[in-house]
Amino acid sequence: MADSIVQALIRQGLQQGREEGREEELKKFIPMCLGKRFNSFVPRDIQDSVNSYSDLIALESLLQRAWDCESIDEFREYLVR
């Protein structure tokens, strides 16, 4: 019984660690994607806004928008919504 509780806690910790790692990678990759696409410095307000997200689904949506938007300003407008 105690072993199964410990194993469940270990699995839960590993899952949480993977999610946190994915969150951090997305937060790094979104501004990198914008900077590369538009050959431009990504303004601090956009970086701060991206870093304020913690939901993986929202961050994945932001990454998709960073890939599809026509300009950094368009991405900024998307963040405001």
Protein backbone atom coordinates (compact mmCIF):
# COMPACT_ATOMS: atom_id res chain seq x y z
CA MET A 1 0.00 0.00 0.00
CA ALA A 2 2.71 2.48 1.01
CA ASP A 3 4.68 1.59 -2.11
CA SER A 4 1.69 2.38 -4.35
CA ILE A 5 1.20 5.76 -2.66
CA VAL A 6 4.88 6.58 -3.09
CA GLN A 7 4.80 5.45 -6.72
CA ALA A 8 1.71 7.59 -7.38
CA LEU A 9 3.40 10.62 -5.82
CA ILE A 10 6.51 10.01 -7.91
CA ARG A 11 4.43 9.75 -11.09
CA GLN A 12 2.56 12.92 -10.16
CA GLY A 13 5.85 14.75 -9.53
CA LEU A 14 7.31 13.58 -12.83
CA GLN A 15 4.21 14.69 -14.73
CA GLN A 16 4.27 18.09 -13.06
CA GLY A 17 7.97 18.45 -13.88
CA ARG A 18 7.33 17.64 -17.54
CA GLU A 19 4.52 20.20 -17.71
CA GLU A 20 6.66 22.88 -16.07
CA GLY A 21 9.49 22.12 -18.48
CA ARG A 22 7.13 22.38 -21.46
CA GLU A 23 5.78 25.68 -20.13
CA GLU A 24 9.28 27.14 -19.84
CA GLU A 25 10.26 25.94 -23.31
CA LEU A 26 7.16 27.51 -24.87
CA LYS A 27 7.84 30.79 -23.06
CA LYS A 28 11.32 30.84 -24.59
CA PHE A 29 10.30 29.65 -28.04
CA ILE A 30 7.43 32.10 -28.69
CA PRO A 31 9.60 35.28 -28.59
CA MET A 32 12.36 33.41 -30.43
CA CYS A 33 9.90 32.51 -33.19
CA LEU A 34 8.70 36.11 -33.47
CA GLY A 35 12.24 37.48 -33.54
CA LYS A 36 13.35 35.05 -36.22
CA ARG A 37 10.27 35.51 -38.41
CA PHE A 38 10.42 39.29 -38.40
CA ASN A 39 14.18 39.70 -38.01
CA SER A 40 13.46 41.97 -35.10
CA PHE A 41 13.94 42.44 -31.39
CA VAL A 42 10.82 41.32 -29.50
CA PRO A 43 9.64 44.18 -27.26
CA ARG A 44 9.75 43.67 -23.51
CA ASP A 45 5.97 44.08 -23.10
CA ILE A 46 5.37 41.10 -25.37
CA GLN A 47 7.98 38.99 -23.58
CA ASP A 48 6.46 39.90 -20.21
CA SER A 49 2.96 39.11 -21.42
CA VAL A 50 4.01 35.70 -22.77
CA ASN A 51 5.80 34.96 -19.50
CA SER A 52 2.63 35.73 -17.54
CA TYR A 53 0.87 32.68 -19.05
CA SER A 54 0.99 29.35 -17.24
CA ASP A 55 -1.64 27.36 -19.14
CA LEU A 56 -0.04 25.01 -21.67
CA ILE A 57 -3.01 25.17 -24.05
CA ALA A 58 -2.88 28.99 -24.05
CA LEU A 59 0.88 28.94 -24.63
CA GLU A 60 0.50 26.50 -27.52
CA SER A 61 -2.14 28.80 -28.99
CA LEU A 62 0.27 31.74 -28.66
CA LEU A 63 2.97 29.75 -30.43
CA GLN A 64 0.59 29.05 -33.30
CA ARG A 65 -0.33 32.75 -33.47
CA ALA A 66 3.38 33.71 -33.42
CA TRP A 67 3.87 31.45 -36.42
CA ASP A 68 0.80 32.73 -38.32
CA CYS A 69 0.69 36.46 -37.58
CA GLU A 70 1.68 39.05 -40.15
CA SER A 71 3.62 41.29 -37.75
CA ILE A 72 4.76 41.66 -34.17
CA ASP A 73 2.07 44.31 -33.73
CA GLU A 74 -0.59 41.83 -34.85
CA PHE A 75 0.72 39.37 -32.26
CA ARG A 76 0.56 42.10 -29.61
CA GLU A 77 -3.10 42.77 -30.50
CA TYR A 78 -3.83 39.06 -30.08
CA LEU A 79 -2.32 39.16 -26.59
CA VAL A 80 -4.68 41.96 -25.57
CA ARG A 81 -7.82 39.94 -26.42
